Amino acid sequence: MALPLRLHLSLVIVVGTALLKHHAWYWLAVYGAIAIFWLAFLRPPIRHMGGLLGTELIFLSLVVLPLGWERASFLLVRSLVCLIVMNSFLLTLPPHSFGIALKSLPVPMAMKENLLLAGQYLEILLAEVKRMQRSAQLRGLNGTSGWLRYASVAMIGSLYLRSLDRAERVYGAMVIRGYNGQLPIDFTFRIKERFILLMAWAIALCFTLSSYTKL
């Protein structure tokens, strides 16, 4: 499946879930089943998926728990469904393909370019973090606690400087290759892909609108 189509289908599920009526548990369960199917279809690395979901849900719980347990429980489950879908998509992206996935989004050109560059620099930052983690392991700081001891203020500053230096080298390479402030981000769906997207939006619309009616 093409990356832009995977991105759009992920957005269809997330938008449909996010617009559900509060306490529409039945339709939330339907979207939850779809999210599990999407997870099984894309097959992201389970270990990384679990770590991301755990961290994200901890931050979300701090925000929604003051709203009351009944309301917070629905918001957390709905957020979990959305996170499963989007994390499954992001964790299965091939290297340096974030820009390809963003080509088909119906957003202004300037926003697309900023997203493409932000995605590129985020990949650079993550690559530097992995290199520093590997360096810490070679120095005998194994495990999560060892990495946290190694993550001092000086290390964070070094990470920033290394990432900035590498980003400047990447930008210089882009300029040498003819980058003039605009990226080639034209994309059109084929007829079959448009039909799939149309059906997906229609199904999501029916599910979400049904949550506002009594069964």
N, C-alpha and C. Protein backbone atom coordinates (compact mmCIF):
# COMPACT_ATOMS: atom_id res chain seq x y z
N MET A 1 0.85 -1.19 0.00
CA MET A 1 0.00 0.00 0.00
C MET A 1 0.88 1.24 0.00
N ALA A 2 0.56 2.21 -0.86
CA ALA A 2 1.36 3.42 -0.96
C ALA A 2 1.32 4.21 0.34
N LEU A 3 2.43 4.89 0.64
CA LEU A 3 2.52 5.64 1.89
C LEU A 3 1.46 6.73 2.00
N PRO A 4 1.20 7.54 0.95
CA PRO A 4 0.13 8.54 1.09
C PRO A 4 -1.23 7.94 1.39
N LEU A 5 -1.54 6.79 0.79
CA LEU A 5 -2.81 6.14 1.06
C LEU A 5 -2.87 5.64 2.50
N ARG A 6 -1.76 5.12 3.00
CA ARG A 6 -1.72 4.69 4.40
C ARG A 6 -1.92 5.87 5.34
N LEU A 7 -1.31 7.01 5.00
CA LEU A 7 -1.48 8.19 5.84
C LEU A 7 -2.93 8.65 5.85
N HIS A 8 -3.56 8.70 4.68
CA HIS A 8 -4.95 9.16 4.61
C HIS A 8 -5.89 8.21 5.33
N LEU A 9 -5.70 6.92 5.20
CA LEU A 9 -6.55 5.97 5.90
C LEU A 9 -6.37 6.09 7.41
N SER A 10 -5.13 6.32 7.83
CA SER A 10 -4.90 6.53 9.27
C SER A 10 -5.63 7.77 9.76
N LEU A 11 -5.60 8.84 8.96
CA LEU A 11 -6.28 10.07 9.34
C LEU A 11 -7.80 9.89 9.36
N VAL A 12 -8.32 9.07 8.44
CA VAL A 12 -9.76 8.79 8.43
C VAL A 12 -10.18 8.15 9.75
N ILE A 13 -9.42 7.16 10.21
CA ILE A 13 -9.76 6.47 11.46
C ILE A 13 -9.63 7.43 12.64
N VAL A 14 -8.57 8.22 12.65
CA VAL A 14 -8.34 9.13 13.79
C VAL A 14 -9.41 10.21 13.85
N VAL A 15 -9.72 10.81 12.71
CA VAL A 15 -10.73 11.87 12.70
C VAL A 15 -12.10 11.32 13.08
N GLY A 16 -12.45 10.16 12.54
CA GLY A 16 -13.73 9.55 12.90
C GLY A 16 -13.83 9.24 14.38
N THR A 17 -12.74 8.74 14.95
CA THR A 17 -12.72 8.44 16.39
C THR A 17 -12.79 9.71 17.22
N ALA A 18 -12.03 10.73 16.82
CA ALA A 18 -11.98 11.96 17.60
C ALA A 18 -13.32 12.69 17.63
N LEU A 19 -14.14 12.52 16.59
CA LEU A 19 -15.42 13.22 16.52
C LEU A 19 -16.58 12.42 17.11
N LEU A 20 -16.30 11.27 17.70
CA LEU A 20 -17.37 10.49 18.32
C LEU A 20 -18.02 11.25 19.47
N LYS A 21 -19.29 10.99 19.68
CA LYS A 21 -19.99 11.58 20.81
C LYS A 21 -19.45 10.98 22.10
N HIS A 22 -19.41 11.80 23.15
CA HIS A 22 -18.92 11.32 24.44
C HIS A 22 -19.80 10.17 24.95
N HIS A 23 -19.13 9.17 25.50
CA HIS A 23 -19.77 7.99 26.10
C HIS A 23 -20.46 7.11 25.06
N ALA A 24 -20.09 7.26 23.77
CA ALA A 24 -20.59 6.34 22.74
C ALA A 24 -19.66 5.12 22.71
N TRP A 25 -19.77 4.30 23.74
CA TRP A 25 -18.83 3.20 23.92
C TRP A 25 -18.96 2.16 22.81
N TYR A 26 -20.16 1.94 22.32
CA TYR A 26 -20.35 0.93 21.29
C TYR A 26 -19.55 1.28 20.03
N TRP A 27 -19.68 2.53 19.56
CA TRP A 27 -18.99 2.93 18.35
C TRP A 27 -17.50 3.11 18.60
N LEU A 28 -17.13 3.42 19.83
CA LEU A 28 -15.71 3.46 20.16
C LEU A 28 -15.11 2.07 20.08
N ALA A 29 -15.87 1.06 20.50
CA ALA A 29 -15.40 -0.31 20.39
C ALA A 29 -15.24 -0.71 18.92
N VAL A 30 -16.13 -0.21 18.06
CA VAL A 30 -16.01 -0.49 16.62
C VAL A 30 -14.71 0.09 16.08
N TYR A 31 -14.43 1.35 16.43
CA TYR A 31 -13.18 1.96 15.99
C TYR A 31 -11.98 1.27 16.62
N GLY A 32 -12.14 0.79 17.86
CA GLY A 32 -11.06 0.05 18.50
C GLY A 32 -10.73 -1.22 17.74
N ALA A 33 -11.75 -1.92 17.27
CA ALA A 33 -11.52 -3.13 16.46
C ALA A 33 -10.82 -2.78 15.15
N ILE A 34 -11.20 -1.66 14.55
CA ILE A 34 -10.54 -1.22 13.31
C ILE A 34 -9.07 -0.89 13.59
N ALA A 35 -8.81 -0.24 14.73
CA ALA A 35 -7.43 0.11 15.09
C ALA A 35 -6.59 -1.15 15.30
N ILE A 36 -7.17 -2.18 15.92
CA ILE A 36 -6.43 -3.43 16.11
C ILE A 36 -6.14 -4.09 14.76
N PHE A 37 -7.12 -4.04 13.85
CA PHE A 37 -6.88 -4.57 12.51
C PHE A 37 -5.78 -3.80 11.80
N TRP A 38 -5.79 -2.48 11.93
CA TRP A 38 -4.75 -1.63 11.32
C TRP A 38 -3.39 -1.96 11.91
N LEU A 39 -3.35 -2.20 13.22
CA LEU A 39 -2.10 -2.58 13.88
C LEU A 39 -1.58 -3.91 13.33
N ALA A 40 -2.49 -4.88 13.18
CA ALA A 40 -2.08 -6.20 12.66
C ALA A 40 -1.67 -6.10 11.20
N PHE A 41 -2.29 -5.20 10.44
CA PHE A 41 -1.97 -5.06 9.02
C PHE A 41 -0.60 -4.43 8.82
N LEU A 42 -0.29 -3.36 9.58
CA LEU A 42 0.98 -2.67 9.40
C LEU A 42 2.13 -3.37 10.13
N ARG A 43 1.82 -4.05 11.25
CA ARG A 43 2.80 -4.82 12.02
C ARG A 43 4.01 -3.98 12.45
N PRO A 44 3.78 -2.93 13.26
CA PRO A 44 4.92 -2.16 13.78
C PRO A 44 5.65 -2.96 14.86
N PRO A 45 6.86 -2.56 15.22
CA PRO A 45 7.59 -3.24 16.31
C PRO A 45 6.85 -3.07 17.64
N ILE A 46 6.45 -4.18 18.23
CA ILE A 46 5.61 -4.14 19.43
C ILE A 46 6.32 -3.46 20.60
N ARG A 47 7.61 -3.69 20.73
CA ARG A 47 8.34 -3.09 21.85
C ARG A 47 8.32 -1.56 21.78
N HIS A 48 8.60 -1.04 20.62
CA HIS A 48 8.58 0.42 20.45
C HIS A 48 7.15 0.96 20.60
N MET A 49 6.19 0.22 20.07
CA MET A 49 4.80 0.64 20.19
C MET A 49 4.37 0.72 21.65
N GLY A 50 4.72 -0.31 22.43
CA GLY A 50 4.36 -0.29 23.85
C GLY A 50 5.00 0.86 24.60
N GLY A 51 6.27 1.13 24.31
CA GLY A 51 6.93 2.24 24.98
C GLY A 51 6.31 3.59 24.65
N LEU A 52 5.98 3.80 23.37
CA LEU A 52 5.35 5.05 22.96
C LEU A 52 3.97 5.21 23.60
N LEU A 53 3.17 4.16 23.54
CA LEU A 53 1.82 4.24 24.10
C LEU A 53 1.85 4.50 25.59
N GLY A 54 2.76 3.83 26.29
CA GLY A 54 2.86 4.04 27.73
C GLY A 54 3.21 5.47 28.09
N THR A 55 4.20 6.02 27.39
CA THR A 55 4.61 7.40 27.66
C THR A 55 3.50 8.39 27.33
N GLU A 56 2.86 8.20 26.18
CA GLU A 56 1.81 9.12 25.76
C GLU A 56 0.60 9.06 26.68
N LEU A 57 0.23 7.87 27.11
CA LEU A 57 -0.93 7.74 27.99
C LEU A 57 -0.67 8.32 29.38
N ILE A 58 0.57 8.25 29.84
CA ILE A 58 0.90 8.86 31.13
C ILE A 58 0.66 10.37 31.09
N PHE A 59 1.14 11.02 30.02
CA PHE A 59 0.94 12.46 29.88
C PHE A 59 -0.55 12.79 29.71
N LEU A 60 -1.26 11.99 28.94
CA LEU A 60 -2.68 12.24 28.73
C LEU A 60 -3.47 12.08 30.03
N SER A 61 -3.11 11.09 30.83
CA SER A 61 -3.84 10.86 32.08
C SER A 61 -3.69 12.04 33.02
N LEU A 62 -2.53 12.69 33.01
CA LEU A 62 -2.34 13.86 33.87
C LEU A 62 -3.25 15.01 33.45
N VAL A 63 -3.61 15.04 32.16
CA VAL A 63 -4.46 16.12 31.65
C VAL A 63 -5.94 15.85 31.88
N VAL A 64 -6.38 14.61 31.67
CA VAL A 64 -7.82 14.32 31.66
C VAL A 64 -8.37 13.84 32.99
N LEU A 65 -7.53 13.32 33.88
CA LEU A 65 -8.05 12.81 35.14
C LEU A 65 -8.75 13.87 35.99
N PRO A 66 -8.30 15.13 35.98
CA PRO A 66 -9.05 16.15 36.72
C PRO A 66 -10.47 16.37 36.22
N LEU A 67 -10.82 15.86 35.03
CA LEU A 67 -12.17 16.04 34.50
C LEU A 67 -13.18 15.07 35.12
N GLY A 68 -12.72 14.15 35.93
CA GLY A 68 -13.62 13.15 36.50
C GLY A 68 -13.39 11.79 35.87
N TRP A 69 -13.55 10.72 36.67
CA TRP A 69 -13.21 9.40 36.19
C TRP A 69 -14.08 8.97 35.01
N GLU A 70 -15.37 9.25 35.03
CA GLU A 70 -16.24 8.80 33.97
C GLU A 70 -15.88 9.44 32.63
N ARG A 71 -15.66 10.72 32.64
CA ARG A 71 -15.31 11.42 31.41
C ARG A 71 -13.88 11.09 30.99
N ALA A 72 -12.98 10.99 31.97
CA ALA A 72 -11.58 10.72 31.67
C ALA A 72 -11.39 9.33 31.07
N SER A 73 -12.15 8.36 31.53
CA SER A 73 -12.00 7.00 31.01
C SER A 73 -12.33 6.94 29.52
N PHE A 74 -13.40 7.62 29.12
CA PHE A 74 -13.75 7.61 27.69
C PHE A 74 -12.69 8.34 26.88
N LEU A 75 -12.22 9.48 27.38
CA LEU A 75 -11.21 10.24 26.64
C LEU A 75 -9.91 9.45 26.51
N LEU A 76 -9.54 8.72 27.56
CA LEU A 76 -8.31 7.94 27.50
C LEU A 76 -8.42 6.79 26.50
N VAL A 77 -9.56 6.10 26.52
CA VAL A 77 -9.73 5.00 25.57
C VAL A 77 -9.79 5.53 24.14
N ARG A 78 -10.48 6.64 23.94
CA ARG A 78 -10.53 7.22 22.60
C ARG A 78 -9.14 7.67 22.15
N SER A 79 -8.38 8.26 23.04
CA SER A 79 -7.01 8.65 22.70
C SER A 79 -6.15 7.44 22.41
N LEU A 80 -6.37 6.34 23.16
CA LEU A 80 -5.61 5.13 22.92
C LEU A 80 -5.85 4.59 21.50
N VAL A 81 -7.10 4.61 21.05
CA VAL A 81 -7.41 4.16 19.70
C VAL A 81 -6.69 5.03 18.66
N CYS A 82 -6.75 6.33 18.85
CA CYS A 82 -6.08 7.24 17.90
C CYS A 82 -4.56 7.04 17.90
N LEU A 83 -3.99 6.84 19.10
CA LEU A 83 -2.55 6.65 19.19
C LEU A 83 -2.11 5.34 18.57
N ILE A 84 -2.90 4.30 18.73
CA ILE A 84 -2.55 3.01 18.11
C ILE A 84 -2.47 3.16 16.60
N VAL A 85 -3.45 3.87 16.04
CA VAL A 85 -3.48 4.03 14.58
C VAL A 85 -2.29 4.85 14.08
N MET A 86 -2.07 6.01 14.68
CA MET A 86 -1.01 6.89 14.17
C MET A 86 0.38 6.35 14.49
N ASN A 87 0.57 5.75 15.67
CA ASN A 87 1.87 5.17 15.98
C ASN A 87 2.18 3.99 15.07
N SER A 88 1.15 3.21 14.72
CA SER A 88 1.36 2.10 13.79
C SER A 88 1.86 2.62 12.45
N PHE A 89 1.28 3.74 12.01
CA PHE A 89 1.73 4.32 10.75
C PHE A 89 3.15 4.88 10.84
N LEU A 90 3.42 5.64 11.90
CA LEU A 90 4.72 6.30 12.02
C LEU A 90 5.85 5.30 12.22
N LEU A 91 5.59 4.24 12.98
CA LEU A 91 6.65 3.27 13.26
C LEU A 91 6.95 2.35 12.08
N THR A 92 6.10 2.34 11.08
CA THR A 92 6.34 1.50 9.91
C THR A 92 6.78 2.31 8.70
N LEU A 93 7.08 3.58 8.89
CA LEU A 93 7.59 4.39 7.79
C LEU A 93 9.03 4.00 7.47
N PRO A 94 9.36 3.76 6.23
CA PRO A 94 10.77 3.54 5.87
C PRO A 94 11.59 4.80 6.14
N PRO A 95 12.91 4.68 6.29
CA PRO A 95 13.74 5.86 6.55
C PRO A 95 13.59 6.92 5.46
N HIS A 96 13.52 8.18 5.89
CA HIS A 96 13.48 9.34 4.99
C HIS A 96 12.26 9.31 4.06
N SER A 97 11.16 8.75 4.53
CA SER A 97 9.95 8.69 3.69
C SER A 97 8.83 9.54 4.26
N PHE A 98 9.12 10.33 5.30
CA PHE A 98 8.09 11.16 5.90
C PHE A 98 7.55 12.17 4.88
N GLY A 99 8.45 12.72 4.07
CA GLY A 99 8.02 13.69 3.06
C GLY A 99 7.13 13.08 2.00
N ILE A 100 7.42 11.84 1.62
CA ILE A 100 6.59 11.17 0.62
C ILE A 100 5.17 10.99 1.15
N ALA A 101 5.05 10.65 2.42
CA ALA A 101 3.73 10.44 3.00
C ALA A 101 2.94 11.74 3.08
N LEU A 102 3.64 12.87 3.22
CA LEU A 102 2.96 14.16 3.38
C LEU A 102 2.57 14.81 2.06
N LYS A 103 3.01 14.25 0.95
CA LYS A 103 2.80 14.91 -0.34
C LYS A 103 1.33 15.15 -0.64
N SER A 104 0.47 14.21 -0.24
CA SER A 104 -0.92 14.26 -0.68
C SER A 104 -1.84 15.00 0.29
N LEU A 105 -1.31 15.52 1.38
CA LEU A 105 -2.18 16.21 2.34
C LEU A 105 -2.71 17.51 1.74
N PRO A 106 -4.01 17.80 1.90
CA PRO A 106 -4.60 19.03 1.36
C PRO A 106 -4.34 20.24 2.25
N VAL A 107 -3.07 20.62 2.38
CA VAL A 107 -2.69 21.76 3.21
C VAL A 107 -1.86 22.71 2.35
N PRO A 108 -1.71 23.97 2.78
CA PRO A 108 -0.94 24.93 1.99
C PRO A 108 0.49 24.46 1.74
N MET A 109 1.07 24.93 0.63
CA MET A 109 2.40 24.53 0.23
C MET A 109 3.45 24.85 1.29
N ALA A 110 3.37 26.03 1.88
CA ALA A 110 4.36 26.41 2.89
C ALA A 110 4.32 25.48 4.10
N MET A 111 3.13 25.07 4.51
CA MET A 111 3.00 24.16 5.64
C MET A 111 3.60 22.79 5.30
N LYS A 112 3.38 22.34 4.06
CA LYS A 112 3.97 21.07 3.65
C LYS A 112 5.49 21.13 3.72
N GLU A 113 6.06 22.22 3.23
CA GLU A 113 7.52 22.33 3.24
C GLU A 113 8.05 22.36 4.66
N ASN A 114 7.37 23.08 5.55
CA ASN A 114 7.81 23.11 6.94
C ASN A 114 7.72 21.73 7.59
N LEU A 115 6.64 21.00 7.28
CA LEU A 115 6.50 19.66 7.83
C LEU A 115 7.57 18.72 7.30
N LEU A 116 7.87 18.85 6.00
CA LEU A 116 8.91 18.00 5.42
C LEU A 116 10.26 18.26 6.07
N LEU A 117 10.61 19.52 6.24
CA LEU A 117 11.90 19.86 6.86
C LEU A 117 11.92 19.46 8.33
N ALA A 118 10.79 19.66 9.03
CA ALA A 118 10.73 19.26 10.44
C ALA A 118 10.90 17.75 10.57
N GLY A 119 10.27 17.00 9.67
CA GLY A 119 10.43 15.55 9.71
C GLY A 119 11.86 15.13 9.45
N GLN A 120 12.53 15.81 8.52
CA GLN A 120 13.93 15.50 8.23
C GLN A 120 14.81 15.77 9.44
N TYR A 121 14.62 16.93 10.08
CA TYR A 121 15.45 17.27 11.24
C TYR A 121 15.13 16.39 12.44
N LEU A 122 13.87 15.93 12.54
CA LEU A 122 13.53 15.01 13.62
C LEU A 122 14.25 13.68 13.44
N GLU A 123 14.35 13.21 12.20
CA GLU A 123 15.10 11.98 11.94
C GLU A 123 16.57 12.16 12.29
N ILE A 124 17.12 13.34 12.00
CA ILE A 124 18.51 13.61 12.35
C ILE A 124 18.70 13.56 13.87
N LEU A 125 17.77 14.18 14.60
CA LEU A 125 17.87 14.20 16.05
C LEU A 125 17.79 12.79 16.63
N LEU A 126 16.85 11.99 16.13
CA LEU A 126 16.71 10.62 16.63
C LEU A 126 17.95 9.79 16.30
N ALA A 127 18.53 10.02 15.13
CA ALA A 127 19.75 9.30 14.78
C ALA A 127 20.89 9.65 15.73
N GLU A 128 21.01 10.92 16.11
CA GLU A 128 22.06 11.33 17.05
C GLU A 128 21.81 10.74 18.43
N VAL A 129 20.54 10.66 18.85
CA VAL A 129 20.22 10.05 20.15
C VAL A 129 20.64 8.58 20.16
N LYS A 130 20.37 7.86 19.09
CA LYS A 130 20.75 6.44 19.02
C LYS A 130 22.26 6.29 19.06
N ARG A 131 22.97 7.18 18.38
CA ARG A 131 24.43 7.10 18.40
C ARG A 131 24.97 7.35 19.80
N MET A 132 24.39 8.29 20.53
CA MET A 132 24.85 8.59 21.88
C MET A 132 24.46 7.47 22.84
N GLN A 133 23.30 6.85 22.63
CA GLN A 133 22.94 5.70 23.44
C GLN A 133 23.92 4.56 23.24
N ARG A 134 24.30 4.33 21.98
CA ARG A 134 25.28 3.29 21.68
C ARG A 134 26.61 3.60 22.33
N SER A 135 27.01 4.88 22.30
CA SER A 135 28.26 5.29 22.93
C SER A 135 28.21 5.05 24.44
N ALA A 136 27.04 5.32 25.06
CA ALA A 136 26.90 5.10 26.50
C ALA A 136 26.99 3.61 26.82
N GLN A 137 26.41 2.76 25.99
CA GLN A 137 26.48 1.32 26.23
C GLN A 137 27.91 0.81 26.12
N LEU A 138 28.68 1.35 25.17
CA LEU A 138 30.07 0.93 25.03
C LEU A 138 30.91 1.36 26.22
N ARG A 139 30.45 2.37 26.95
CA ARG A 139 31.16 2.83 28.15
C ARG A 139 30.68 2.11 29.41
N GLY A 140 29.82 1.11 29.23
CA GLY A 140 29.40 0.30 30.36
C GLY A 140 28.13 0.76 31.04
N LEU A 141 27.44 1.74 30.46
CA LEU A 141 26.18 2.22 31.04
C LEU A 141 25.02 1.48 30.37
N ASN A 142 24.79 0.27 30.80
CA ASN A 142 23.76 -0.56 30.20
C ASN A 142 22.44 -0.37 30.92
N GLY A 143 21.33 -0.58 30.18
CA GLY A 143 20.00 -0.50 30.79
C GLY A 143 19.48 0.92 30.81
N THR A 144 18.19 1.04 31.19
CA THR A 144 17.54 2.34 31.20
C THR A 144 18.14 3.26 32.26
N SER A 145 18.41 2.73 33.44
CA SER A 145 18.95 3.57 34.52
C SER A 145 20.32 4.11 34.16
N GLY A 146 21.16 3.27 33.50
CA GLY A 146 22.47 3.75 33.09
C GLY A 146 22.36 4.87 32.08
N TRP A 147 21.41 4.74 31.14
CA TRP A 147 21.22 5.79 30.14
C TRP A 147 20.75 7.06 30.80
N LEU A 148 19.88 6.98 31.80
CA LEU A 148 19.40 8.17 32.47
C LEU A 148 20.54 8.86 33.24
N ARG A 149 21.45 8.09 33.82
CA ARG A 149 22.60 8.70 34.51
C ARG A 149 23.51 9.41 33.52
N TYR A 150 23.56 8.85 32.30
CA TYR A 150 24.41 9.46 31.28
C TYR A 150 23.79 10.71 30.69
N ALA A 151 22.48 10.86 30.80
CA ALA A 151 21.76 11.98 30.18
C ALA A 151 21.85 13.21 31.07
N SER A 152 23.02 13.80 31.17
CA SER A 152 23.24 14.99 31.97
C SER A 152 22.99 16.23 31.13
N VAL A 153 23.11 17.37 31.78
CA VAL A 153 22.91 18.63 31.06
C VAL A 153 23.97 18.80 29.97
N ALA A 154 25.20 18.41 30.26
CA ALA A 154 26.26 18.53 29.26
C ALA A 154 25.97 17.66 28.04
N MET A 155 25.43 16.43 28.29
CA MET A 155 25.11 15.54 27.18
C MET A 155 24.01 16.11 26.32
N ILE A 156 22.99 16.71 26.96
CA ILE A 156 21.89 17.30 26.19
C ILE A 156 22.41 18.46 25.33
N GLY A 157 23.30 19.27 25.90
CA GLY A 157 23.89 20.34 25.10
C GLY A 157 24.71 19.81 23.95
N SER A 158 25.46 18.74 24.20
CA SER A 158 26.24 18.13 23.13
C SER A 158 25.33 17.56 22.04
N LEU A 159 24.21 16.94 22.46
CA LEU A 159 23.26 16.42 21.49
C LEU A 159 22.71 17.53 20.61
N TYR A 160 22.39 18.67 21.22
CA TYR A 160 21.87 19.80 20.45
C TYR A 160 22.89 20.30 19.44
N LEU A 161 24.15 20.44 19.86
CA LEU A 161 25.18 20.95 18.96
C LEU A 161 25.46 19.98 17.82
N ARG A 162 25.48 18.69 18.13
CA ARG A 162 25.74 17.70 17.09
C ARG A 162 24.58 17.65 16.09
N SER A 163 23.36 17.74 16.61
CA SER A 163 22.20 17.72 15.72
C SER A 163 22.17 18.96 14.84
N LEU A 164 22.49 20.12 15.43
CA LEU A 164 22.52 21.36 14.66
C LEU A 164 23.58 21.31 13.58
N ASP A 165 24.77 20.81 13.93
CA ASP A 165 25.85 20.72 12.94
C ASP A 165 25.47 19.78 11.80
N ARG A 166 24.86 18.65 12.13
CA ARG A 166 24.46 17.71 11.07
C ARG A 166 23.34 18.28 10.22
N ALA A 167 22.40 19.01 10.86
CA ALA A 167 21.31 19.62 10.09
C ALA A 167 21.86 20.66 9.11
N GLU A 168 22.88 21.41 9.53
CA GLU A 168 23.48 22.39 8.62
C GLU A 168 24.16 21.70 7.45
N ARG A 169 24.79 20.55 7.70
CA ARG A 169 25.42 19.82 6.60
C ARG A 169 24.37 19.29 5.63
N VAL A 170 23.24 18.81 6.17
CA VAL A 170 22.16 18.32 5.31
C VAL A 170 21.61 19.46 4.47
N TYR A 171 21.41 20.63 5.09
CA TYR A 171 20.89 21.78 4.34
C TYR A 171 21.87 22.19 3.25
N GLY A 172 23.17 22.20 3.57
CA GLY A 172 24.17 22.54 2.56
C GLY A 172 24.15 21.56 1.39
N ALA A 173 23.96 20.27 1.69
CA ALA A 173 23.87 19.28 0.62
C ALA A 173 22.63 19.50 -0.23
N MET A 174 21.52 19.92 0.40
CA MET A 174 20.30 20.19 -0.35
C MET A 174 20.50 21.39 -1.29
N VAL A 175 21.19 22.43 -0.81
CA VAL A 175 21.44 23.60 -1.65
C VAL A 175 22.31 23.24 -2.85
N ILE A 176 23.34 22.41 -2.63
CA ILE A 176 24.22 21.99 -3.72
C ILE A 176 23.43 21.22 -4.77
N ARG A 177 22.41 20.49 -4.33
CA ARG A 177 21.61 19.68 -5.26
C ARG A 177 20.45 20.47 -5.88
N GLY A 178 20.45 21.78 -5.67
CA GLY A 178 19.46 22.61 -6.36
C GLY A 178 18.27 23.04 -5.54
N TYR A 179 18.30 22.86 -4.22
CA TYR A 179 17.17 23.28 -3.39
C TYR A 179 17.08 24.80 -3.37
N ASN A 180 15.91 25.34 -3.71
CA ASN A 180 15.72 26.79 -3.78
C ASN A 180 14.60 27.29 -2.87
N GLY A 181 14.29 26.54 -1.83
CA GLY A 181 13.23 26.93 -0.90
C GLY A 181 11.91 26.26 -1.16
N GLN A 182 11.81 25.52 -2.25
CA GLN A 182 10.58 24.81 -2.57
C GLN A 182 10.91 23.35 -2.85
N LEU A 183 10.01 22.47 -2.40
CA LEU A 183 10.22 21.04 -2.56
C LEU A 183 9.23 20.47 -3.56
N PRO A 184 9.62 19.48 -4.34
CA PRO A 184 8.71 18.83 -5.30
C PRO A 184 7.71 17.94 -4.57
N ILE A 185 6.55 18.47 -4.25
CA ILE A 185 5.60 17.73 -3.41
C ILE A 185 4.26 17.57 -4.11
N ASP A 186 4.25 17.54 -5.43
CA ASP A 186 3.01 17.28 -6.16
C ASP A 186 2.68 15.78 -6.09
N PHE A 187 1.41 15.49 -5.89
CA PHE A 187 0.99 14.09 -5.82
C PHE A 187 -0.48 14.00 -6.16
N THR A 188 -0.85 12.96 -6.89
CA THR A 188 -2.25 12.70 -7.21
C THR A 188 -2.54 11.23 -6.99
N PHE A 189 -3.72 10.94 -6.44
CA PHE A 189 -4.13 9.57 -6.23
C PHE A 189 -4.63 8.96 -7.53
N ARG A 190 -4.43 7.66 -7.66
CA ARG A 190 -5.01 6.94 -8.78
C ARG A 190 -6.51 6.72 -8.53
N ILE A 191 -7.22 6.29 -9.54
CA ILE A 191 -8.68 6.13 -9.43
C ILE A 191 -9.02 5.11 -8.35
N LYS A 192 -8.30 4.01 -8.32
CA LYS A 192 -8.56 2.96 -7.33
C LYS A 192 -8.34 3.49 -5.92
N GLU A 193 -7.27 4.26 -5.72
CA GLU A 193 -6.97 4.80 -4.40
C GLU A 193 -8.02 5.84 -3.99
N ARG A 194 -8.48 6.63 -4.94
CA ARG A 194 -9.54 7.59 -4.63
C ARG A 194 -10.83 6.88 -4.22
N PHE A 195 -11.13 5.78 -4.87
CA PHE A 195 -12.33 5.02 -4.51
C PHE A 195 -12.20 4.44 -3.10
N ILE A 196 -11.03 3.92 -2.78
CA ILE A 196 -10.80 3.38 -1.43
C ILE A 196 -10.97 4.47 -0.38
N LEU A 197 -10.39 5.65 -0.64
CA LEU A 197 -10.51 6.75 0.31
C LEU A 197 -11.96 7.22 0.45
N LEU A 198 -12.67 7.29 -0.66
CA LEU A 198 -14.06 7.71 -0.62
C LEU A 198 -14.90 6.74 0.21
N MET A 199 -14.69 5.45 0.03
CA MET A 199 -15.41 4.46 0.81
C MET A 199 -15.04 4.54 2.28
N ALA A 200 -13.76 4.76 2.57
CA ALA A 200 -13.32 4.87 3.96
C ALA A 200 -13.96 6.07 4.64
N TRP A 201 -13.98 7.22 3.95
CA TRP A 201 -14.61 8.41 4.54
C TRP A 201 -16.11 8.20 4.72
N ALA A 202 -16.75 7.53 3.78
CA ALA A 202 -18.19 7.28 3.89
C ALA A 202 -18.50 6.38 5.08
N ILE A 203 -17.72 5.33 5.25
CA ILE A 203 -17.93 4.41 6.38
C ILE A 203 -17.67 5.12 7.70
N ALA A 204 -16.57 5.89 7.77
CA ALA A 204 -16.27 6.62 9.00
C ALA A 204 -17.35 7.64 9.33
N LEU A 205 -17.88 8.30 8.30
CA LEU A 205 -18.94 9.27 8.52
C LEU A 205 -20.19 8.60 9.07
N CYS A 206 -20.53 7.44 8.53
CA CYS A 206 -21.70 6.71 9.03
C CYS A 206 -21.50 6.28 10.48
N PHE A 207 -20.34 5.76 10.81
CA PHE A 207 -20.07 5.35 12.19
C PHE A 207 -20.14 6.52 13.16
N THR A 208 -19.49 7.63 12.79
CA THR A 208 -19.44 8.76 13.70
C THR A 208 -20.80 9.41 13.88
N LEU A 209 -21.54 9.59 12.79
CA LEU A 209 -22.88 10.16 12.91
C LEU A 209 -23.83 9.25 13.68
N SER A 210 -23.62 7.95 13.56
CA SER A 210 -24.48 7.00 14.30
C SER A 210 -24.27 7.11 15.79
N SER A 211 -23.10 7.60 16.23
CA SER A 211 -22.86 7.73 17.66
C SER A 211 -23.73 8.84 18.27
N TYR A 212 -24.26 9.74 17.43
CA TYR A 212 -25.12 10.82 17.92
C TYR A 212 -26.61 10.47 17.87
N THR A 213 -26.91 9.25 17.42
CA THR A 213 -28.29 8.78 17.41
C THR A 213 -28.45 7.62 18.37
N LYS A 214 -29.63 7.40 18.86
CA LYS A 214 -29.88 6.32 19.79
C LYS A 214 -30.02 5.01 19.03
N LEU A 215 -29.37 3.98 19.58
CA LEU A 215 -29.46 2.66 18.98
C LEU A 215 -30.82 2.06 19.26
